[in-house]
Amino acid sequence: MIHAMSSGHDGSLTTLHASNPQTALDRLEVLAMSADRNLAPHVVRRMIGAGVDLIVHLSTYHRGDQELRRLGSLAFVAENRGNDLGSPVVSGLASYRILDDSWDWRREALVHMPDKVWKKLLAAGVNPEDVVREVLGNGES
């Protein structure tokens, strides 16, 4: 799966069980290493950083007697070539606030989205600056 995701062909989607975005990447690394024991850990991490753009984390929340399944958080993933261990950068973009059923957006993560995400938005005909303005709702970019 990681080979396909990092082959330069866009358009993959996968699911796995993890408690947060960083743990999802750690789990993906473990799964890759168990599938091919000859892969070096730093190579697997670099492949993950190159192949994964966004983590959409679902979570279960409790409000009174209700159990709610919500989109828990969003995180961008980028390569970190400066890291000798090959660990990708995970930038939390947004997280769910159960108290008011809304989102806490992290302006810095959105404004400084990875170049690979920026380029994919442009290729899809979406102006990333418009996305920033729309999400932040304040006309800044």
N, C-alpha and C. Protein backbone atom coordinates (compact mmCIF):
# COMPACT_ATOMS: atom_id res chain seq x y z
N MET A 1 0.82 -1.19 0.00
CA MET A 1 0.00 0.00 0.00
C MET A 1 0.87 1.25 0.00
N ILE A 2 1.88 1.28 0.84
CA ILE A 2 2.74 2.47 0.90
C ILE A 2 3.50 2.64 -0.41
N HIS A 3 3.89 1.54 -1.04
CA HIS A 3 4.54 1.63 -2.35
C HIS A 3 3.62 2.33 -3.34
N ALA A 4 2.36 1.94 -3.37
CA ALA A 4 1.40 2.55 -4.29
C ALA A 4 1.16 4.02 -3.95
N MET A 5 1.07 4.34 -2.67
CA MET A 5 0.80 5.72 -2.25
C MET A 5 1.94 6.67 -2.59
N SER A 6 3.15 6.18 -2.59
CA SER A 6 4.30 7.05 -2.83
C SER A 6 4.88 6.88 -4.23
N SER A 7 4.11 6.30 -5.14
CA SER A 7 4.60 6.04 -6.49
C SER A 7 4.45 7.23 -7.43
N GLY A 8 3.87 8.32 -6.94
CA GLY A 8 3.67 9.49 -7.78
C GLY A 8 2.31 9.55 -8.43
N HIS A 9 1.48 8.55 -8.20
CA HIS A 9 0.12 8.53 -8.73
C HIS A 9 -0.84 8.94 -7.61
N ASP A 10 -1.52 10.07 -7.80
CA ASP A 10 -2.44 10.55 -6.78
C ASP A 10 -3.71 9.72 -6.76
N GLY A 11 -4.35 9.76 -5.58
CA GLY A 11 -5.67 9.17 -5.50
C GLY A 11 -5.76 7.88 -4.73
N SER A 12 -5.20 7.81 -3.55
CA SER A 12 -5.39 6.61 -2.74
C SER A 12 -6.10 6.98 -1.46
N LEU A 13 -6.75 5.99 -0.88
CA LEU A 13 -7.48 6.17 0.37
C LEU A 13 -7.37 4.88 1.14
N THR A 14 -7.13 4.98 2.42
CA THR A 14 -7.06 3.78 3.23
C THR A 14 -7.62 4.07 4.61
N THR A 15 -7.92 3.04 5.34
CA THR A 15 -8.39 3.19 6.71
C THR A 15 -7.52 2.33 7.61
N LEU A 16 -7.37 2.77 8.85
CA LEU A 16 -6.73 1.97 9.88
C LEU A 16 -7.17 2.49 11.23
N HIS A 17 -6.96 1.71 12.25
CA HIS A 17 -7.40 2.08 13.59
C HIS A 17 -6.24 2.69 14.36
N ALA A 18 -6.47 3.89 14.91
CA ALA A 18 -5.47 4.59 15.72
C ALA A 18 -6.18 5.65 16.55
N SER A 19 -5.54 6.08 17.63
CA SER A 19 -6.19 7.02 18.54
C SER A 19 -6.00 8.48 18.16
N ASN A 20 -5.07 8.78 17.25
CA ASN A 20 -4.86 10.16 16.80
C ASN A 20 -4.01 10.13 15.52
N PRO A 21 -3.87 11.27 14.84
CA PRO A 21 -3.13 11.27 13.57
C PRO A 21 -1.69 10.77 13.67
N GLN A 22 -0.95 11.16 14.68
CA GLN A 22 0.43 10.71 14.81
C GLN A 22 0.50 9.20 15.01
N THR A 23 -0.39 8.69 15.84
CA THR A 23 -0.44 7.25 16.08
C THR A 23 -0.81 6.50 14.81
N ALA A 24 -1.64 7.11 13.97
CA ALA A 24 -1.99 6.48 12.69
C ALA A 24 -0.75 6.28 11.83
N LEU A 25 0.12 7.29 11.79
CA LEU A 25 1.36 7.15 11.01
C LEU A 25 2.28 6.10 11.62
N ASP A 26 2.35 6.08 12.94
CA ASP A 26 3.17 5.07 13.62
C ASP A 26 2.66 3.67 13.30
N ARG A 27 1.35 3.53 13.31
CA ARG A 27 0.75 2.22 13.02
C ARG A 27 1.00 1.82 11.56
N LEU A 28 0.89 2.78 10.66
CA LEU A 28 1.16 2.51 9.25
C LEU A 28 2.61 2.04 9.07
N GLU A 29 3.52 2.66 9.80
CA GLU A 29 4.93 2.25 9.74
C GLU A 29 5.10 0.81 10.22
N VAL A 30 4.47 0.47 11.33
CA VAL A 30 4.57 -0.89 11.87
C VAL A 30 3.99 -1.90 10.88
N LEU A 31 2.86 -1.57 10.28
CA LEU A 31 2.26 -2.49 9.31
C LEU A 31 3.17 -2.70 8.10
N ALA A 32 3.79 -1.61 7.64
CA ALA A 32 4.71 -1.72 6.50
C ALA A 32 5.92 -2.56 6.86
N MET A 33 6.45 -2.33 8.05
CA MET A 33 7.64 -3.08 8.48
C MET A 33 7.33 -4.57 8.67
N SER A 34 6.12 -4.87 9.10
CA SER A 34 5.77 -6.29 9.29
C SER A 34 5.52 -6.98 7.94
N ALA A 35 5.15 -6.21 6.92
CA ALA A 35 4.92 -6.79 5.60
C ALA A 35 6.23 -7.06 4.86
N ASP A 36 7.25 -6.24 5.13
CA ASP A 36 8.54 -6.41 4.46
C ASP A 36 9.64 -6.07 5.44
N ARG A 37 10.19 -7.07 6.06
CA ARG A 37 11.19 -6.86 7.11
C ARG A 37 12.53 -6.33 6.58
N ASN A 38 12.68 -6.29 5.27
CA ASN A 38 13.92 -5.79 4.67
C ASN A 38 13.90 -4.27 4.50
N LEU A 39 12.77 -3.64 4.70
CA LEU A 39 12.69 -2.18 4.57
C LEU A 39 13.35 -1.51 5.77
N ALA A 40 14.15 -0.51 5.51
CA ALA A 40 14.75 0.26 6.60
C ALA A 40 13.69 1.22 7.16
N PRO A 41 13.62 1.37 8.49
CA PRO A 41 12.60 2.23 9.09
C PRO A 41 12.59 3.66 8.54
N HIS A 42 13.77 4.26 8.32
CA HIS A 42 13.79 5.64 7.83
C HIS A 42 13.23 5.73 6.40
N VAL A 43 13.40 4.66 5.61
CA VAL A 43 12.84 4.64 4.25
C VAL A 43 11.32 4.56 4.32
N VAL A 44 10.80 3.73 5.20
CA VAL A 44 9.35 3.62 5.37
C VAL A 44 8.76 4.97 5.80
N ARG A 45 9.40 5.63 6.75
CA ARG A 45 8.91 6.93 7.22
C ARG A 45 8.91 7.97 6.10
N ARG A 46 9.96 7.96 5.29
CA ARG A 46 10.01 8.91 4.16
C ARG A 46 8.93 8.60 3.14
N MET A 47 8.68 7.32 2.90
CA MET A 47 7.61 6.94 1.97
C MET A 47 6.25 7.38 2.51
N ILE A 48 6.05 7.26 3.80
CA ILE A 48 4.80 7.71 4.41
C ILE A 48 4.68 9.23 4.28
N GLY A 49 5.76 9.95 4.56
CA GLY A 49 5.73 11.41 4.43
C GLY A 49 5.44 11.86 3.01
N ALA A 50 5.93 11.10 2.03
CA ALA A 50 5.69 11.45 0.63
C ALA A 50 4.31 11.01 0.17
N GLY A 51 3.81 9.90 0.69
CA GLY A 51 2.57 9.33 0.18
C GLY A 51 1.30 9.76 0.88
N VAL A 52 1.41 10.23 2.11
CA VAL A 52 0.22 10.64 2.87
C VAL A 52 0.15 12.16 2.88
N ASP A 53 -1.01 12.70 2.49
CA ASP A 53 -1.21 14.15 2.48
C ASP A 53 -2.02 14.62 3.68
N LEU A 54 -3.05 13.89 4.00
CA LEU A 54 -4.02 14.33 5.00
C LEU A 54 -4.51 13.14 5.80
N ILE A 55 -4.62 13.33 7.10
CA ILE A 55 -5.21 12.30 7.96
C ILE A 55 -6.55 12.84 8.44
N VAL A 56 -7.58 12.05 8.23
CA VAL A 56 -8.92 12.37 8.71
C VAL A 56 -9.20 11.38 9.84
N HIS A 57 -9.27 11.90 11.05
CA HIS A 57 -9.40 11.04 12.22
C HIS A 57 -10.84 11.09 12.75
N LEU A 58 -11.48 9.93 12.80
CA LEU A 58 -12.83 9.82 13.35
C LEU A 58 -12.72 9.41 14.81
N SER A 59 -13.65 9.91 15.62
CA SER A 59 -13.61 9.58 17.03
C SER A 59 -15.02 9.48 17.59
N THR A 60 -15.14 8.85 18.73
CA THR A 60 -16.42 8.74 19.42
C THR A 60 -16.39 9.65 20.64
N TYR A 61 -17.47 10.42 20.79
CA TYR A 61 -17.58 11.37 21.90
C TYR A 61 -18.86 11.05 22.67
N HIS A 62 -18.88 11.44 23.93
CA HIS A 62 -20.07 11.24 24.76
C HIS A 62 -20.61 12.60 25.17
N ARG A 63 -21.88 12.80 24.89
CA ARG A 63 -22.58 14.02 25.32
C ARG A 63 -23.83 13.55 26.04
N GLY A 64 -23.80 13.66 27.37
CA GLY A 64 -24.90 13.12 28.16
C GLY A 64 -24.97 11.62 27.96
N ASP A 65 -26.15 11.14 27.61
CA ASP A 65 -26.34 9.71 27.35
C ASP A 65 -26.06 9.34 25.91
N GLN A 66 -25.78 10.33 25.09
CA GLN A 66 -25.55 10.07 23.67
C GLN A 66 -24.09 9.71 23.39
N GLU A 67 -23.92 8.78 22.47
CA GLU A 67 -22.59 8.48 21.96
C GLU A 67 -22.56 9.01 20.53
N LEU A 68 -21.65 9.95 20.28
CA LEU A 68 -21.58 10.63 18.99
C LEU A 68 -20.32 10.22 18.25
N ARG A 69 -20.46 9.92 16.98
CA ARG A 69 -19.31 9.63 16.11
C ARG A 69 -19.09 10.88 15.28
N ARG A 70 -17.93 11.49 15.42
CA ARG A 70 -17.64 12.75 14.73
C ARG A 70 -16.25 12.69 14.11
N LEU A 71 -16.07 13.58 13.16
CA LEU A 71 -14.74 13.81 12.62
C LEU A 71 -13.96 14.47 13.75
N GLY A 72 -12.97 13.77 14.29
CA GLY A 72 -12.27 14.24 15.47
C GLY A 72 -11.17 15.25 15.18
N SER A 73 -10.43 15.02 14.10
CA SER A 73 -9.36 15.96 13.77
C SER A 73 -8.90 15.75 12.33
N LEU A 74 -8.26 16.78 11.81
CA LEU A 74 -7.64 16.76 10.49
C LEU A 74 -6.18 17.15 10.67
N ALA A 75 -5.30 16.50 9.94
CA ALA A 75 -3.88 16.83 10.04
C ALA A 75 -3.21 16.67 8.69
N PHE A 76 -2.39 17.65 8.33
CA PHE A 76 -1.55 17.55 7.14
C PHE A 76 -0.33 16.71 7.47
N VAL A 77 0.20 16.03 6.46
CA VAL A 77 1.42 15.24 6.61
C VAL A 77 2.39 15.69 5.52
N ALA A 78 3.65 15.89 5.90
CA ALA A 78 4.66 16.32 4.93
C ALA A 78 5.97 15.61 5.21
N GLU A 79 6.77 15.49 4.16
CA GLU A 79 8.12 14.93 4.32
C GLU A 79 8.94 15.87 5.19
N ASN A 80 9.89 15.29 5.88
CA ASN A 80 10.80 16.07 6.72
C ASN A 80 12.22 15.65 6.37
N ARG A 81 12.71 16.14 5.25
CA ARG A 81 14.03 15.73 4.74
C ARG A 81 15.16 16.07 5.71
N GLY A 82 14.94 17.05 6.58
CA GLY A 82 15.98 17.43 7.53
C GLY A 82 16.10 16.51 8.72
N ASN A 83 15.18 15.56 8.85
CA ASN A 83 15.18 14.64 9.98
C ASN A 83 15.91 13.37 9.58
N ASP A 84 17.00 13.05 10.27
CA ASP A 84 17.79 11.86 9.94
C ASP A 84 17.00 10.56 10.06
N LEU A 85 15.98 10.56 10.93
CA LEU A 85 15.17 9.36 11.12
C LEU A 85 14.08 9.24 10.07
N GLY A 86 13.90 10.29 9.25
CA GLY A 86 12.89 10.26 8.20
C GLY A 86 11.47 10.51 8.67
N SER A 87 11.32 10.87 9.95
CA SER A 87 9.97 11.06 10.50
C SER A 87 9.23 12.20 9.81
N PRO A 88 8.01 11.95 9.31
CA PRO A 88 7.25 13.01 8.65
C PRO A 88 6.74 14.04 9.66
N VAL A 89 6.42 15.21 9.14
CA VAL A 89 5.84 16.27 9.96
C VAL A 89 4.32 16.10 9.94
N VAL A 90 3.71 16.12 11.11
CA VAL A 90 2.26 16.06 11.23
C VAL A 90 1.80 17.39 11.79
N SER A 91 1.02 18.13 11.00
CA SER A 91 0.53 19.45 11.43
C SER A 91 -0.96 19.39 11.64
N GLY A 92 -1.37 19.47 12.91
CA GLY A 92 -2.79 19.47 13.24
C GLY A 92 -3.47 20.66 12.59
N LEU A 93 -4.47 20.40 11.77
CA LEU A 93 -5.18 21.44 11.05
C LEU A 93 -6.44 21.88 11.79
N ALA A 94 -7.18 20.92 12.29
CA ALA A 94 -8.43 21.24 12.98
C ALA A 94 -8.78 20.11 13.94
N SER A 95 -9.49 20.47 14.99
CA SER A 95 -9.98 19.45 15.92
C SER A 95 -11.40 19.80 16.34
N TYR A 96 -12.16 18.79 16.64
CA TYR A 96 -13.57 18.93 17.00
C TYR A 96 -13.70 19.39 18.44
N ARG A 97 -14.64 20.33 18.66
CA ARG A 97 -14.97 20.78 20.02
C ARG A 97 -16.37 20.28 20.35
N ILE A 98 -16.43 19.34 21.26
CA ILE A 98 -17.72 18.72 21.59
C ILE A 98 -18.65 19.70 22.31
N LEU A 99 -18.11 20.61 23.11
CA LEU A 99 -18.95 21.51 23.89
C LEU A 99 -19.90 22.34 23.04
N ASP A 100 -19.42 22.84 21.91
CA ASP A 100 -20.29 23.65 21.06
C ASP A 100 -20.45 23.06 19.66
N ASP A 101 -20.08 21.79 19.49
CA ASP A 101 -20.24 21.08 18.22
C ASP A 101 -19.66 21.88 17.06
N SER A 102 -18.42 22.33 17.25
CA SER A 102 -17.78 23.15 16.23
C SER A 102 -16.32 22.71 16.06
N TRP A 103 -15.57 23.51 15.29
CA TRP A 103 -14.18 23.18 14.97
C TRP A 103 -13.23 24.23 15.50
N ASP A 104 -12.09 23.77 15.96
CA ASP A 104 -10.99 24.65 16.33
C ASP A 104 -9.96 24.54 15.21
N TRP A 105 -9.90 25.59 14.37
CA TRP A 105 -8.97 25.59 13.22
C TRP A 105 -7.64 26.18 13.65
N ARG A 106 -6.56 25.60 13.21
CA ARG A 106 -5.22 26.11 13.51
C ARG A 106 -4.73 26.88 12.30
N ARG A 107 -4.78 28.19 12.42
CA ARG A 107 -4.47 29.09 11.32
C ARG A 107 -3.10 28.79 10.70
N GLU A 108 -2.09 28.59 11.53
CA GLU A 108 -0.74 28.38 11.03
C GLU A 108 -0.63 27.13 10.15
N ALA A 109 -1.30 26.07 10.55
CA ALA A 109 -1.25 24.84 9.75
C ALA A 109 -1.92 25.04 8.40
N LEU A 110 -3.02 25.81 8.39
CA LEU A 110 -3.73 26.04 7.14
C LEU A 110 -2.95 26.97 6.22
N VAL A 111 -2.44 28.05 6.78
CA VAL A 111 -1.70 29.03 5.98
C VAL A 111 -0.41 28.42 5.43
N HIS A 112 0.20 27.53 6.20
CA HIS A 112 1.47 26.91 5.79
C HIS A 112 1.28 25.46 5.41
N MET A 113 0.20 25.18 4.66
CA MET A 113 -0.04 23.79 4.24
C MET A 113 1.12 23.31 3.38
N PRO A 114 1.40 22.02 3.41
CA PRO A 114 2.51 21.48 2.61
C PRO A 114 2.35 21.82 1.12
N ASP A 115 3.49 22.04 0.46
CA ASP A 115 3.48 22.36 -0.98
C ASP A 115 2.72 21.32 -1.79
N LYS A 116 2.87 20.05 -1.43
CA LYS A 116 2.19 19.00 -2.20
C LYS A 116 0.68 19.15 -2.13
N VAL A 117 0.14 19.60 -1.01
CA VAL A 117 -1.31 19.82 -0.89
C VAL A 117 -1.71 21.06 -1.68
N TRP A 118 -0.91 22.12 -1.56
CA TRP A 118 -1.15 23.37 -2.28
C TRP A 118 -1.25 23.09 -3.79
N LYS A 119 -0.27 22.32 -4.30
CA LYS A 119 -0.23 22.00 -5.74
C LYS A 119 -1.41 21.15 -6.16
N LYS A 120 -1.85 20.23 -5.32
CA LYS A 120 -2.99 19.39 -5.67
C LYS A 120 -4.28 20.21 -5.70
N LEU A 121 -4.41 21.16 -4.80
CA LEU A 121 -5.59 22.03 -4.85
C LEU A 121 -5.59 22.83 -6.15
N LEU A 122 -4.43 23.39 -6.51
CA LEU A 122 -4.34 24.15 -7.76
C LEU A 122 -4.68 23.28 -8.97
N ALA A 123 -4.16 22.04 -8.99
CA ALA A 123 -4.42 21.13 -10.10
C ALA A 123 -5.91 20.78 -10.20
N ALA A 124 -6.60 20.84 -9.06
CA ALA A 124 -8.04 20.55 -9.05
C ALA A 124 -8.87 21.79 -9.36
N GLY A 125 -8.19 22.92 -9.65
CA GLY A 125 -8.90 24.15 -9.97
C GLY A 125 -9.36 24.92 -8.75
N VAL A 126 -8.77 24.61 -7.60
CA VAL A 126 -9.13 25.30 -6.35
C VAL A 126 -7.98 26.20 -5.95
N ASN A 127 -8.28 27.47 -5.68
CA ASN A 127 -7.26 28.41 -5.24
C ASN A 127 -7.05 28.21 -3.73
N PRO A 128 -5.87 27.75 -3.31
CA PRO A 128 -5.63 27.51 -1.88
C PRO A 128 -5.84 28.76 -1.02
N GLU A 129 -5.55 29.93 -1.56
CA GLU A 129 -5.77 31.16 -0.79
C GLU A 129 -7.25 31.37 -0.51
N ASP A 130 -8.10 30.98 -1.45
CA ASP A 130 -9.55 31.07 -1.22
C ASP A 130 -9.98 30.11 -0.12
N VAL A 131 -9.35 28.93 -0.08
CA VAL A 131 -9.66 27.96 0.97
C VAL A 131 -9.30 28.54 2.33
N VAL A 132 -8.12 29.14 2.42
CA VAL A 132 -7.68 29.74 3.68
C VAL A 132 -8.68 30.81 4.12
N ARG A 133 -9.06 31.71 3.20
CA ARG A 133 -10.01 32.78 3.55
C ARG A 133 -11.37 32.21 3.96
N GLU A 134 -11.83 31.21 3.24
CA GLU A 134 -13.15 30.61 3.54
C GLU A 134 -13.15 29.96 4.92
N VAL A 135 -12.15 29.18 5.21
CA VAL A 135 -12.10 28.46 6.48
C VAL A 135 -11.91 29.42 7.65
N LEU A 136 -10.99 30.36 7.49
CA LEU A 136 -10.71 31.28 8.59
C LEU A 136 -11.79 32.34 8.73
N GLY A 137 -12.49 32.63 7.62
CA GLY A 137 -13.62 33.54 7.69
C GLY A 137 -13.28 34.97 8.01
N ASN A 138 -12.02 35.37 7.83
CA ASN A 138 -11.67 36.75 8.19
C ASN A 138 -11.00 37.50 7.05
N GLY A 139 -10.97 36.91 5.86
CA GLY A 139 -10.39 37.59 4.72
C GLY A 139 -8.88 37.64 4.69
N GLU A 140 -8.22 37.01 5.68
CA GLU A 140 -6.74 37.01 5.69
C GLU A 140 -6.23 35.77 4.99
N SER A 141 -5.00 35.88 4.47
CA SER A 141 -4.33 34.67 3.93
C SER A 141 -2.85 34.77 4.17
